[in-house]
C-alpha atoms as a PDB file:
ATOM      1  CA  MET A   1       0.026   0.001  -0.131  1.00  0.00           C
ATOM      2  CA  HIS A   2       1.591   3.182  -1.006  1.00  0.00           C
ATOM      3  CA  ARG A   3      -0.917   6.142   0.164  1.00  0.00           C
ATOM      4  CA  SER A   4       0.283   9.373   1.058  1.00  0.00           C
ATOM      5  CA  VAL A   5       1.370   9.903   4.634  1.00  0.00           C
ATOM      6  CA  VAL A   6       1.430  12.710   7.075  1.00  0.00           C
ATOM      7  CA  LEU A   7       4.011  12.363   9.876  1.00  0.00           C
ATOM      8  CA  SER A   8       3.705  14.412  12.925  1.00  0.00           C
ATOM      9  CA  VAL A   9       7.285  15.101  14.311  1.00  0.00           C
ATOM     10  CA  ASP A  10       8.449  16.417  17.912  1.00  0.00           C
ATOM     11  CA  ALA A  11      11.264  18.673  16.670  1.00  0.00           C
ATOM     12  CA  MET A  12      12.567  19.457  20.350  1.00  0.00           C
ATOM     13  CA  GLY A  13      13.157  16.028  21.739  1.00  0.00           C
ATOM     14  CA  GLY A  14      16.639  14.314  22.035  1.00  0.00           C
ATOM     15  CA  ASP A  15      19.928  15.095  23.184  1.00  0.00           C
ATOM     16  CA  HIS A  16      20.932  16.952  20.164  1.00  0.00           C
ATOM     17  CA  GLY A  17      17.517  18.985  19.403  1.00  0.00           C
ATOM     18  CA  PRO A  18      16.083  20.179  16.287  1.00  0.00           C
ATOM     19  CA  ALA A  19      19.285  19.783  14.123  1.00  0.00           C
ATOM     20  CA  ILE A  20      19.354  15.941  13.881  1.00  0.00           C
ATOM     21  CA  VAL A  21      15.403  16.294  13.414  1.00  0.00           C
ATOM     22  CA  VAL A  22      15.630  18.404  10.344  1.00  0.00           C
ATOM     23  CA  GLU A  23      18.652  16.472   9.024  1.00  0.00           C
ATOM     24  CA  GLY A  24      16.571  13.298   9.376  1.00  0.00           C
ATOM     25  CA  ILE A  25      13.615  14.639   7.516  1.00  0.00           C
ATOM     26  CA  GLU A  26      16.012  15.810   4.750  1.00  0.00           C
ATOM     27  CA  ILE A  27      17.564  12.620   4.379  1.00  0.00           C
ATOM     28  CA  LEU A  28      14.210  10.949   4.062  1.00  0.00           C
ATOM     29  CA  SER A  29      12.818  13.581   1.762  1.00  0.00           C
ATOM     30  CA  ASP A  30      15.030  12.462  -1.101  1.00  0.00           C
ATOM     31  CA  ALA A  31      12.705   9.492  -1.701  1.00  0.00           C
ATOM     32  CA  PHE A  32       9.563  11.607  -1.994  1.00  0.00           C
ATOM     33  CA  ARG A  33      10.507  14.129  -4.823  1.00  0.00           C
ATOM     34  CA  ASN A  34       7.021  13.550  -6.376  1.00  0.00           C
ATOM     35  CA  GLY A  35       5.176  14.069  -3.131  1.00  0.00           C
ATOM     36  CA  GLY A  36       3.563  11.364  -0.865  1.00  0.00           C
ATOM     37  CA  LEU A  37       5.150  12.591   2.442  1.00  0.00           C
ATOM     38  CA  LYS A  38       4.122  15.426   4.461  1.00  0.00           C
ATOM     39  CA  VAL A  39       5.732  16.449   7.939  1.00  0.00           C
ATOM     40  CA  LEU A  40       4.008  18.478  10.587  1.00  0.00           C
ATOM     41  CA  LEU A  41       6.959  19.808  12.551  1.00  0.00           C
ATOM     42  CA  HIS A  42       6.425  21.017  16.162  1.00  0.00           C
ATOM     43  CA  GLY A  43       8.638  23.270  17.916  1.00  0.00           C
ATOM     44  CA  ASP A  44      10.097  26.632  18.325  1.00  0.00           C
ATOM     45  CA  GLU A  45      10.157  28.335  15.087  1.00  0.00           C
ATOM     46  CA  ALA A  46      13.113  30.609  15.988  1.00  0.00           C
ATOM     47  CA  LEU A  47      15.373  27.561  15.995  1.00  0.00           C
ATOM     48  CA  LEU A  48      13.465  25.634  13.397  1.00  0.00           C
ATOM     49  CA  LYS A  49      13.196  28.288  10.526  1.00  0.00           C
ATOM     50  CA  PRO A  50      17.204  28.711  10.128  1.00  0.00           C
ATOM     51  CA  LEU A  51      17.720  24.910  10.069  1.00  0.00           C
ATOM     52  CA  LEU A  52      14.774  24.480   7.306  1.00  0.00           C
ATOM     53  CA  LYS A  53      16.424  27.287   5.353  1.00  0.00           C
ATOM     54  CA  GLN A  54      19.692  25.141   5.358  1.00  0.00           C
ATOM     55  CA  HIS A  55      17.760  21.870   4.412  1.00  0.00           C
ATOM     56  CA  PRO A  56      15.422  22.936   1.497  1.00  0.00           C
ATOM     57  CA  LYS A  57      14.463  19.448   0.811  1.00  0.00           C
ATOM     58  CA  ALA A  58      13.053  19.030   4.224  1.00  0.00           C
ATOM     59  CA  ALA A  59      11.580  22.669   4.089  1.00  0.00           C
ATOM     60  CA  ARG A  60       9.467  21.558   1.034  1.00  0.00           C
ATOM     61  CA  ILE A  61       7.668  18.724   2.876  1.00  0.00           C
ATOM     62  CA  CYS A  62       7.309  20.379   6.199  1.00  0.00           C
ATOM     63  CA  GLU A  63       4.500  22.329   7.785  1.00  0.00           C
ATOM     64  CA  LEU A  64       5.978  24.378  10.794  1.00  0.00           C
ATOM     65  CA  ARG A  65       3.671  24.386  13.934  1.00  0.00           C
ATOM     66  CA  HIS A  66       5.058  26.766  16.533  1.00  0.00           C
ATOM     67  CA  THR A  67       5.229  25.741  20.261  1.00  0.00           C
ATOM     68  CA  ALA A  68       6.999  27.793  22.914  1.00  0.00           C
ATOM     69  CA  THR A  69       7.519  24.893  25.288  1.00  0.00           C
ATOM     70  CA  SER A  70       8.923  21.413  25.212  1.00  0.00           C
ATOM     71  CA  VAL A  71       9.398  18.449  27.502  1.00  0.00           C
ATOM     72  CA  THR A  72      13.044  18.003  28.559  1.00  0.00           C
ATOM     73  CA  MET A  73      14.980  14.745  28.663  1.00  0.00           C
ATOM     74  CA  SER A  74      15.203  14.889  32.424  1.00  0.00           C
ATOM     75  CA  ASP A  75      11.503  15.507  33.123  1.00  0.00           C
ATOM     76  CA  LYS A  76       9.773  13.013  35.235  1.00  0.00           C
ATOM     77  CA  PRO A  77       6.613  11.608  33.572  1.00  0.00           C
ATOM     78  CA  SER A  78       4.700  13.161  36.616  1.00  0.00           C
ATOM     79  CA  GLN A  79       6.318  16.527  35.844  1.00  0.00           C
ATOM     80  CA  ALA A  80       5.686  16.126  32.124  1.00  0.00           C
ATOM     81  CA  ILE A  81       2.046  15.619  32.531  1.00  0.00           C
ATOM     82  CA  ARG A  82       1.723  18.985  34.549  1.00  0.00           C
ATOM     83  CA  LYS A  83       3.655  20.942  31.983  1.00  0.00           C
ATOM     84  CA  ALA A  84       3.099  19.193  28.780  1.00  0.00           C
ATOM     85  CA  ARG A  85      -0.037  20.637  27.456  1.00  0.00           C
ATOM     86  CA  GLY A  86       0.757  22.802  24.390  1.00  0.00           C
ATOM     87  CA  SER A  87       4.408  21.373  24.253  1.00  0.00           C
ATOM     88  CA  SER A  88       5.944  20.102  21.043  1.00  0.00           C
ATOM     89  CA  MET A  89       5.700  16.400  22.374  1.00  0.00           C
ATOM     90  CA  TRP A  90       2.062  16.981  23.252  1.00  0.00           C
ATOM     91  CA  ASN A  91       1.110  18.720  20.064  1.00  0.00           C
ATOM     92  CA  ALA A  92       2.997  16.074  17.971  1.00  0.00           C
ATOM     93  CA  ILE A  93       0.854  13.228  19.608  1.00  0.00           C
ATOM     94  CA  ASP A  94      -2.297  15.370  19.477  1.00  0.00           C
ATOM     95  CA  ALA A  95      -1.988  15.559  15.745  1.00  0.00           C
ATOM     96  CA  VAL A  96      -2.368  11.847  15.481  1.00  0.00           C
ATOM     97  CA  LYS A  97      -5.384  11.919  17.945  1.00  0.00           C
ATOM     98  CA  SER A  98      -6.990  14.720  15.830  1.00  0.00           C
ATOM     99  CA  GLY A  99      -6.451  12.798  12.523  1.00  0.00           C
ATOM    100  CA  ASP A 100      -4.230  15.554  11.150  1.00  0.00           C
ATOM    101  CA  ALA A 101      -1.305  12.958  10.969  1.00  0.00           C
ATOM    102  CA  HIS A 102      -1.015   9.233  10.640  1.00  0.00           C
ATOM    103  CA  ALA A 103       2.017   8.743  13.069  1.00  0.00           C
ATOM    104  CA  CYS A 104       4.009  10.567  15.520  1.00  0.00           C
ATOM    105  CA  VAL A 105       7.860  10.421  15.851  1.00  0.00           C
ATOM    106  CA  SER A 106       9.993  11.796  18.908  1.00  0.00           C
ATOM    107  CA  ALA A 107      13.411  11.505  20.166  1.00  0.00           C
ATOM    108  CA  GLY A 108      12.207  12.952  23.365  1.00  0.00           C
ATOM    109  CA  ASN A 109      12.027  11.615  27.120  1.00  0.00           C
ATOM    110  CA  THR A 110      10.743   8.206  26.758  1.00  0.00           C
ATOM    111  CA  GLY A 111       8.772   7.885  30.045  1.00  0.00           C
ATOM    112  CA  ALA A 112       7.091  11.131  29.318  1.00  0.00           C
ATOM    113  CA  LEU A 113       6.099  10.046  25.544  1.00  0.00           C
ATOM    114  CA  MET A 114       4.630   6.881  26.677  1.00  0.00           C
ATOM    115  CA  VAL A 115       2.506   8.459  29.443  1.00  0.00           C
ATOM    116  CA  LEU A 116       1.282  11.279  27.032  1.00  0.00           C
ATOM    117  CA  SER A 117       0.777   8.793  24.291  1.00  0.00           C
ATOM    118  CA  LYS A 118      -1.676   6.923  26.599  1.00  0.00           C
ATOM    119  CA  ILE A 119      -3.257   9.812  27.837  1.00  0.00           C
ATOM    120  CA  LEU A 120      -4.055  11.319  24.346  1.00  0.00           C
ATOM    121  CA  LEU A 121      -4.464   8.129  22.361  1.00  0.00           C
ATOM    122  CA  HIS A 122      -5.601   5.514  24.887  1.00  0.00           C
ATOM    123  CA  MET A 123      -5.232   1.952  24.188  1.00  0.00           C
ATOM    124  CA  ALA A 124      -6.499   0.175  21.095  1.00  0.00           C
ATOM    125  CA  PRO A 125      -9.686  -1.924  21.429  1.00  0.00           C
ATOM    126  CA  ASN A 126      -9.058  -5.211  23.208  1.00  0.00           C
ATOM    127  CA  ALA A 127      -5.567  -4.104  24.210  1.00  0.00           C
ATOM    128  CA  HIS A 128      -4.547  -4.051  27.743  1.00  0.00           C
ATOM    129  CA  ARG A 129      -0.969  -2.797  27.972  1.00  0.00           C
ATOM    130  CA  PRO A 130       1.282  -1.087  25.477  1.00  0.00           C
ATOM    131  CA  ALA A 131       4.776  -2.679  24.723  1.00  0.00           C
ATOM    132  CA  ILE A 132       7.833  -1.176  23.066  1.00  0.00           C
ATOM    133  CA  ALA A 133       9.058  -3.071  20.372  1.00  0.00           C
ATOM    134  CA  ALA A 134      12.685  -2.837  19.262  1.00  0.00           C
ATOM    135  CA  CYS A 135      14.635  -4.260  16.252  1.00  0.00           C
ATOM    136  CA  TRP A 136      17.695  -6.509  16.655  1.00  0.00           C
ATOM    137  CA  PRO A 137      20.349  -7.500  14.192  1.00  0.00           C
ATOM    138  CA  THR A 138      20.460 -11.044  13.502  1.00  0.00           C
ATOM    139  CA  MET A 139      22.274 -13.546  11.257  1.00  0.00           C
ATOM    140  CA  ARG A 140      19.225 -13.752   9.125  1.00  0.00           C
ATOM    141  CA  GLY A 141      18.785  -9.768   8.917  1.00  0.00           C
ATOM    142  CA  VAL A 142      16.715  -8.512  11.829  1.00  0.00           C
ATOM    143  CA  ALA A 143      14.258  -9.650  14.517  1.00  0.00           C
ATOM    144  CA  VAL A 144      11.740  -7.617  16.429  1.00  0.00           C
ATOM    145  CA  VAL A 145      11.784  -7.974  20.353  1.00  0.00           C
ATOM    146  CA  LEU A 146       8.931  -6.891  22.744  1.00  0.00           C
ATOM    147  CA  ASP A 147       8.518  -5.814  25.342  1.00  0.00           C
ATOM    148  CA  VAL A 148      11.829  -4.174  26.107  1.00  0.00           C
ATOM    149  CA  GLY A 149      10.857  -1.930  28.913  1.00  0.00           C
ATOM    150  CA  ALA A 150       7.262  -0.831  29.242  1.00  0.00           C
ATOM    151  CA  ASN A 151       5.902  -3.638  31.403  1.00  0.00           C
ATOM    152  CA  VAL A 152       7.960  -5.298  34.188  1.00  0.00           C
ATOM    153  CA  GLU A 153       5.522  -8.038  34.735  1.00  0.00           C
ATOM    154  CA  CYS A 154       2.966  -9.527  32.118  1.00  0.00           C
ATOM    155  CA  THR A 155       0.036 -12.037  32.274  1.00  0.00           C
ATOM    156  CA  ALA A 156      -0.269 -14.852  29.873  1.00  0.00           C
ATOM    157  CA  THR A 157      -3.032 -12.887  27.883  1.00  0.00           C
ATOM    158  CA  GLN A 158      -0.626  -9.806  27.559  1.00  0.00           C
ATOM    159  CA  LEU A 159       2.075 -11.859  26.219  1.00  0.00           C
ATOM    160  CA  VAL A 160      -0.205 -13.203  23.515  1.00  0.00           C
ATOM    161  CA  GLU A 161      -1.281  -9.642  22.792  1.00  0.00           C
ATOM    162  CA  PHE A 162       2.563  -8.681  22.434  1.00  0.00           C
ATOM    163  CA  ALA A 163       2.894 -11.720  19.924  1.00  0.00           C
ATOM    164  CA  ILE A 164      -0.048 -10.366  17.933  1.00  0.00           C
ATOM    165  CA  MET A 165       1.201  -6.837  17.801  1.00  0.00           C
ATOM    166  CA  GLY A 166       4.753  -7.842  17.199  1.00  0.00           C
ATOM    167  CA  GLY A 167       3.938 -10.061  14.301  1.00  0.00           C
ATOM    168  CA  ALA A 168       1.974  -7.140  12.556  1.00  0.00           C
ATOM    169  CA  PHE A 169       4.758  -4.805  13.286  1.00  0.00           C
ATOM    170  CA  PHE A 170       7.390  -6.959  11.682  1.00  0.00           C
ATOM    171  CA  SER A 171       5.272  -7.834   8.747  1.00  0.00           C
ATOM    172  CA  ALA A 172       4.755  -3.881   8.167  1.00  0.00           C
ATOM    173  CA  ASN A 173       8.136  -2.860   8.706  1.00  0.00           C
ATOM    174  CA  GLN A 174       9.984  -5.651   6.922  1.00  0.00           C
ATOM    175  CA  ASN A 175       7.454  -6.512   4.208  1.00  0.00           C
ATOM    176  CA  VAL A 176       7.130 -10.036   5.301  1.00  0.00           C
ATOM    177  CA  ASP A 177       3.812 -11.860   4.923  1.00  0.00           C
ATOM    178  CA  SER A 178       3.898 -14.363   7.736  1.00  0.00           C
ATOM    179  CA  PRO A 179       6.809 -13.700  10.199  1.00  0.00           C
ATOM    180  CA  ILE A 180       7.735 -16.455  12.629  1.00  0.00           C
ATOM    181  CA  VAL A 181       6.727 -15.601  16.303  1.00  0.00           C
ATOM    182  CA  GLY A 182       8.350 -17.351  19.338  1.00  0.00           C
ATOM    183  CA  LEU A 183       8.017 -16.798  23.035  1.00  0.00           C
ATOM    184  CA  LEU A 184      11.322 -16.263  24.889  1.00  0.00           C
ATOM    185  CA  ASN A 185      11.992 -18.933  27.402  1.00  0.00           C
ATOM    186  CA  ILE A 186      14.864 -20.837  29.304  1.00  0.00           C
ATOM    187  CA  GLY A 187      14.334 -23.883  27.123  1.00  0.00           C
ATOM    188  CA  THR A 188      12.135 -25.215  24.295  1.00  0.00           C
ATOM    189  CA  GLU A 189      10.638 -27.956  26.184  1.00  0.00           C
ATOM    190  CA  GLU A 190       6.898 -27.588  27.061  1.00  0.00           C
ATOM    191  CA  MET A 191       7.518 -27.656  31.025  1.00  0.00           C
ATOM    192  CA  LYS A 192      10.092 -24.981  31.010  1.00  0.00           C
ATOM    193  CA  GLY A 193       9.375 -21.368  31.973  1.00  0.00           C
ATOM    194  CA  ASN A 194       7.229 -19.646  34.430  1.00  0.00           C
ATOM    195  CA  GLN A 195       3.426 -20.081  34.495  1.00  0.00           C
ATOM    196  CA  ALA A 196       2.807 -16.963  32.419  1.00  0.00           C
ATOM    197  CA  VAL A 197       4.959 -17.989  29.524  1.00  0.00           C
ATOM    198  CA  ARG A 198       3.611 -21.617  29.569  1.00  0.00           C
ATOM    199  CA  ASP A 199      -0.005 -20.387  29.582  1.00  0.00           C
ATOM    200  CA  ALA A 200       0.701 -18.022  26.788  1.00  0.00           C
ATOM    201  CA  ASP A 201       2.087 -20.729  24.747  1.00  0.00           C
ATOM    202  CA  ALA A 202      -1.097 -22.876  25.305  1.00  0.00           C
ATOM    203  CA  ILE A 203      -3.193 -20.100  24.411  1.00  0.00           C
ATOM    204  CA  LEU A 204      -1.302 -19.331  21.088  1.00  0.00           C
ATOM    205  CA  ARG A 205      -1.547 -22.896  20.259  1.00  0.00           C
ATOM    206  CA  LYS A 206      -5.292 -23.171  20.887  1.00  0.00           C
ATOM    207  CA  VAL A 207      -6.941 -19.970  19.568  1.00  0.00           C
ATOM    208  CA  LYS A 208      -6.955 -19.716  15.908  1.00  0.00           C
ATOM    209  CA  LEU A 209      -5.143 -16.456  15.188  1.00  0.00           C
ATOM    210  CA  ASP A 210      -3.596 -15.182  12.040  1.00  0.00           C
ATOM    211  CA  LEU A 211      -0.175 -15.576  13.331  1.00  0.00           C
ATOM    212  CA  ASN A 212       2.748 -18.000  12.437  1.00  0.00           C
ATOM    213  CA  TYR A 213       3.708 -19.129  16.089  1.00  0.00           C
ATOM    214  CA  THR A 214       6.454 -21.534  16.317  1.00  0.00           C
ATOM    215  CA  GLY A 215       6.738 -22.160  20.294  1.00  0.00           C
ATOM    216  CA  PHE A 216       9.648 -21.221  22.647  1.00  0.00           C
ATOM    217  CA  VAL A 217      13.081 -19.666  21.631  1.00  0.00           C
ATOM    218  CA  GLU A 218      16.050 -19.368  23.993  1.00  0.00           C
ATOM    219  CA  GLY A 219      18.262 -16.213  24.403  1.00  0.00           C
ATOM    220  CA  ASP A 220      20.843 -17.359  21.981  1.00  0.00           C
ATOM    221  CA  GLY A 221      18.222 -17.891  19.354  1.00  0.00           C
ATOM    222  CA  ILE A 222      17.512 -14.158  19.065  1.00  0.00           C
ATOM    223  CA  SER A 223      20.866 -13.378  17.392  1.00  0.00           C
ATOM    224  CA  LYS A 224      20.731 -16.440  15.375  1.00  0.00           C
ATOM    225  CA  GLY A 225      17.356 -15.411  13.782  1.00  0.00           C
ATOM    226  CA  VAL A 226      15.529 -18.273  14.851  1.00  0.00           C
ATOM    227  CA  VAL A 227      12.353 -16.589  14.791  1.00  0.00           C
ATOM    228  CA  ASP A 228      11.367 -13.130  13.392  1.00  0.00           C
ATOM    229  CA  VAL A 229       9.504 -11.817  16.501  1.00  0.00           C
ATOM    230  CA  VAL A 230      10.553 -12.557  20.099  1.00  0.00           C
ATOM    231  CA  VAL A 231       7.849 -12.079  22.763  1.00  0.00           C
ATOM    232  CA  THR A 232       8.651 -11.560  26.404  1.00  0.00           C
ATOM    233  CA  ASP A 233       7.890  -9.246  29.518  1.00  0.00           C
ATOM    234  CA  GLY A 234       9.562  -5.852  29.706  1.00  0.00           C
ATOM    235  CA  PHE A 235      11.883  -6.732  32.673  1.00  0.00           C
ATOM    236  CA  THR A 236      13.672  -9.452  30.754  1.00  0.00           C
ATOM    237  CA  GLY A 237      13.363  -7.802  27.221  1.00  0.00           C
ATOM    238  CA  ASN A 238      15.033  -4.794  28.581  1.00  0.00           C
ATOM    239  CA  ILE A 239      17.909  -6.868  30.290  1.00  0.00           C
ATOM    240  CA  ALA A 240      18.397  -8.804  27.302  1.00  0.00           C
ATOM    241  CA  ILE A 241      18.629  -5.855  24.872  1.00  0.00           C
ATOM    242  CA  LYS A 242      20.918  -3.955  27.038  1.00  0.00           C
ATOM    243  CA  THR A 243      23.157  -6.855  27.685  1.00  0.00           C
ATOM    244  CA  ALA A 244      23.353  -7.533  23.871  1.00  0.00           C
ATOM    245  CA  GLU A 245      24.529  -3.706  23.434  1.00  0.00           C
ATOM    246  CA  GLY A 246      27.055  -3.957  26.036  1.00  0.00           C
ATOM    247  CA  THR A 247      28.455  -7.292  24.631  1.00  0.00           C
ATOM    248  CA  ALA A 248      28.784  -5.713  21.100  1.00  0.00           C
ATOM    249  CA  LYS A 249      30.652  -2.709  22.576  1.00  0.00           C
ATOM    250  CA  LEU A 250      32.856  -5.095  24.565  1.00  0.00           C
ATOM    251  CA  ALA A 251      33.712  -7.168  21.434  1.00  0.00           C
ATOM    252  CA  ALA A 252      34.506  -3.854  19.650  1.00  0.00           C
ATOM    253  CA  THR A 253      36.720  -2.692  22.167  1.00  0.00           C
ATOM    254  CA  PHE A 254      38.635  -5.964  22.301  1.00  0.00           C
ATOM    255  CA  LEU A 255      38.851  -6.087  18.509  1.00  0.00           C
ATOM    256  CA  ARG A 256      40.188  -2.545  18.417  1.00  0.00           C
ATOM    257  CA  GLU A 257      42.841  -3.318  21.111  1.00  0.00           C
ATOM    258  CA  SER A 258      44.055  -6.449  19.234  1.00  0.00           C
ATOM    259  CA  LEU A 259      44.302  -4.642  16.244  1.00  0.00           C
ATOM    260  CA  GLU A 260      46.378  -1.844  17.522  1.00  0.00           C
ATOM    261  CA  SER A 261      48.677  -4.172  19.819  1.00  0.00           C
ATOM    262  CA  SER A 262      51.464  -4.401  17.420  1.00  0.00           C
ATOM    263  CA  LEU A 263      52.709  -3.062  13.950  1.00  0.00           C
ATOM    264  CA  ILE A 264      51.853  -6.348  12.329  1.00  0.00           C
ATOM    265  CA  SER A 265      48.354  -6.249  13.787  1.00  0.00           C
ATOM    266  CA  LYS A 266      48.158  -2.593  12.527  1.00  0.00           C
ATOM    267  CA  ILE A 267      49.126  -3.679   8.973  1.00  0.00           C
ATOM    268  CA  GLY A 268      46.647  -6.538   9.197  1.00  0.00           C
ATOM    269  CA  ALA A 269      44.061  -4.085  10.055  1.00  0.00           C
ATOM    270  CA  LEU A 270      44.872  -1.576   7.372  1.00  0.00           C
ATOM    271  CA  LEU A 271      44.561  -4.576   4.595  1.00  0.00           C
ATOM    272  CA  SER A 272      41.263  -5.689   6.193  1.00  0.00           C
ATOM    273  CA  MET A 273      39.830  -2.157   6.234  1.00  0.00           C
ATOM    274  CA  GLY A 274      37.150  -3.002   3.593  1.00  0.00           C
ATOM    275  CA  ALA A 275      35.828  -6.103   5.601  1.00  0.00           C
ATOM    276  CA  PHE A 276      35.873  -3.805   8.839  1.00  0.00           C
ATOM    277  CA  ARG A 277      33.595  -1.197   7.011  1.00  0.00           C
ATOM    278  CA  LYS A 278      31.197  -3.950   6.081  1.00  0.00           C
ATOM    279  CA  LEU A 279      31.070  -4.957   9.488  1.00  0.00           C
ATOM    280  CA  ARG A 280      30.568  -1.716  10.996  1.00  0.00           C
ATOM    281  CA  ALA A 281      27.663  -1.096   8.455  1.00  0.00           C
ATOM    282  CA  LYS A 282      25.879  -4.285   9.344  1.00  0.00           C
ATOM    283  CA  MET A 283      26.037  -3.557  13.042  1.00  0.00           C
ATOM    284  CA  ASP A 284      25.331   0.214  12.773  1.00  0.00           C
ATOM    285  CA  PRO A 285      22.625   1.032  15.482  1.00  0.00           C
ATOM    286  CA  ARG A 286      21.251   3.826  13.531  1.00  0.00           C
ATOM    287  CA  LYS A 287      20.016   1.174  10.965  1.00  0.00           C
ATOM    288  CA  PHE A 288      17.945  -0.129  13.814  1.00  0.00           C
ATOM    289  CA  ASN A 289      16.721   3.078  15.356  1.00  0.00           C
ATOM    290  CA  GLY A 290      13.144   3.530  15.883  1.00  0.00           C
ATOM    291  CA  GLY A 291      11.126   1.673  18.794  1.00  0.00           C
ATOM    292  CA  VAL A 292       7.429   1.446  18.672  1.00  0.00           C
ATOM    293  CA  PHE A 293       4.845   1.736  21.260  1.00  0.00           C
ATOM    294  CA  LEU A 294       2.305  -0.949  20.247  1.00  0.00           C
ATOM    295  CA  GLY A 295      -1.046  -1.344  21.540  1.00  0.00           C
ATOM    296  CA  LEU A 296      -2.137   2.462  21.567  1.00  0.00           C
ATOM    297  CA  GLY A 297      -5.111   3.854  19.638  1.00  0.00           C
ATOM    298  CA  GLY A 298      -2.477   5.460  17.310  1.00  0.00           C
ATOM    299  CA  LEU A 299       1.032   5.009  15.896  1.00  0.00           C
ATOM    300  CA  VAL A 300       3.910   6.403  18.084  1.00  0.00           C
ATOM    301  CA  VAL A 301       7.593   5.749  17.245  1.00  0.00           C
ATOM    302  CA  LYS A 302      10.394   6.601  19.607  1.00  0.00           C
ATOM    303  CA  SER A 303      13.807   7.468  18.256  1.00  0.00           C
ATOM    304  CA  HIS A 304      16.980   7.067  20.425  1.00  0.00           C
ATOM    305  CA  GLY A 305      17.840  10.203  21.975  1.00  0.00           C
ATOM    306  CA  GLY A 306      21.431  10.197  21.198  1.00  0.00           C
ATOM    307  CA  THR A 307      20.869   9.331  17.451  1.00  0.00           C
ATOM    308  CA  ASP A 308      22.264  11.597  14.597  1.00  0.00           C
ATOM    309  CA  GLY A 309      20.110  12.687  11.529  1.00  0.00           C
ATOM    310  CA  LEU A 310      20.768   9.350   9.646  1.00  0.00           C
ATOM    311  CA  GLY A 311      19.288   7.462  12.802  1.00  0.00           C
ATOM    312  CA  PHE A 312      16.321   9.679  13.026  1.00  0.00           C
ATOM    313  CA  SER A 313      15.624   9.364   9.265  1.00  0.00           C
ATOM    314  CA  ASN A 314      15.217   5.518   9.948  1.00  0.00           C
ATOM    315  CA  ALA A 315      13.013   6.149  12.781  1.00  0.00           C
ATOM    316  CA  LEU A 316      10.862   8.286  10.352  1.00  0.00           C
ATOM    317  CA  LYS A 317      11.096   5.215   8.023  1.00  0.00           C
ATOM    318  CA  VAL A 318       9.554   2.985  10.789  1.00  0.00           C
ATOM    319  CA  ALA A 319       6.685   5.428  11.185  1.00  0.00           C
ATOM    320  CA  LEU A 320       6.242   5.622   7.475  1.00  0.00           C
ATOM    321  CA  ASN A 321       6.143   1.925   6.884  1.00  0.00           C
ATOM    322  CA  LEU A 322       3.422   1.408   9.599  1.00  0.00           C
ATOM    323  CA  ALA A 323       1.404   4.137   8.477  1.00  0.00           C
ATOM    324  CA  ARG A 324       1.237   2.839   4.884  1.00  0.00           C
ATOM    325  CA  SER A 325       0.608  -0.672   6.042  1.00  0.00           C
ATOM    326  CA  ASP A 326      -2.615  -2.584   7.415  1.00  0.00           C
ATOM    327  CA  TYR A 327      -0.905  -3.064  10.737  1.00  0.00           C
ATOM    328  CA  ALA A 328      -3.772  -1.444  12.816  1.00  0.00           C
ATOM    329  CA  GLU A 329      -6.446  -3.444  10.814  1.00  0.00           C
ATOM    330  CA  HIS A 330      -4.391  -6.839  11.251  1.00  0.00           C
ATOM    331  CA  VAL A 331      -3.894  -6.278  14.997  1.00  0.00           C
ATOM    332  CA  ALA A 332      -7.534  -5.333  15.470  1.00  0.00           C
ATOM    333  CA  GLY A 333      -8.722  -8.408  13.912  1.00  0.00           C
ATOM    334  CA  ASN A 334      -6.447 -10.928  16.094  1.00  0.00           C
ATOM    335  CA  LEU A 335      -7.051  -9.067  19.234  1.00  0.00           C
ATOM    336  CA  LYS A 336     -10.803  -9.372  18.619  1.00  0.00           C
ATOM    337  CA  LYS A 337     -10.275 -13.206  18.022  1.00  0.00           C
ATOM    338  CA  LEU A 338      -8.257 -13.274  21.276  1.00  0.00           C
ATOM    339  CA  ALA A 339     -11.030 -11.420  23.385  1.00  0.00           C
ATOM    340  CA  GLU A 340     -13.792 -13.554  21.945  1.00  0.00           C
ATOM    341  CA  ALA A 341     -11.869 -16.723  22.924  1.00  0.00           C
ATOM    342  CA  ASN A 342     -11.149 -15.445  26.579  1.00  0.00           C
ATOM    343  CA  THR A 343     -14.832 -14.618  26.839  1.00  0.00           C
ATOM    344  CA  GLN A 344     -15.892 -18.089  25.761  1.00  0.00           C
ATOM    345  CA  SER A 345     -13.308 -19.806  27.928  1.00  0.00           C
ATOM    346  CA  LYS A 346     -14.806 -17.805  30.955  1.00  0.00           C
ATOM    347  CA  LEU A 347     -18.273 -18.921  30.107  1.00  0.00           C
ATOM    348  CA  GLU A 348     -17.274 -22.424  29.968  1.00  0.00           C
ATOM    349  CA  SER A 349     -15.424 -22.311  33.318  1.00  0.00           C
ATOM    350  CA  VAL A 350     -18.680 -20.815  34.973  1.00  0.00           C
ATOM    351  CA  SER A 351     -20.833 -23.529  33.442  1.00  0.00           C
ATOM    352  CA  LYS A 352     -18.926 -26.533  34.634  1.00  0.00           C
END
């Protein structure tokens, strides 16, 4: 589906402010010389107008909507709620609520963005909790892991909802019709894992959802690319993704130290420079930027606060892919089936 899309962007969020936001829009705009994309840019026009002059391609597709206030990266969610109305973040989300835009993108305060998104957009029908979905490089390409921080504990039904939303997200973002979905567990045997994970597995096998569910996947299976979508609670998912990030940095440090340890090593590194460039490109975190708040009554994409223009453009692409897809319809259909199955199960238990 290639309909025209309007993205609503919080220009004031992130560690580097409006500069990387406008640069990201400029990078993305190259693919839309003949129209098809419009950006509602929310922020301080005194800062944004000079940047748009420096980036004429971005200016061509942007409509500037001035806001005098913004939510800072250090604001607690409770503080953000009190001062957020009329801020760049609030207005960016509100544009999705009003129907002016198809999706919102912000590099701002994650906690504040989540709270304001829930307040303004509410939950989607039959969804109980939002989940943060993140992309993860694998041997087969990329996987989606959720939840990675929004929910410390989850019920079996919530894990099934995450499976539904994660599958639809992967399909929309990676253009794959039937992605493979698995539940993260400490083993692949049926008796392994806590009760919520085992119950979620039973539901996914019993309820006839439009979902390619394969069963349990262990931690090492994520990077192997055993499945396309890895479902877990936010506590486990956040630890897993932070551990992977730390391990990648550790490996890069060890490699750099080894390559600089002697003259011969330095010469070998110079001869292998082409291979190292390819490796760096594959592992570039900017390629995987753009976490999605799934389960809300509208599309919200969270960019990493410390990214650059290229990274922000990839977060915009995630929002664009979702807005152009049938993600919402796919999720709504499966969540309805799950709700009906839960209702039927309760009625059967009462009648016994």
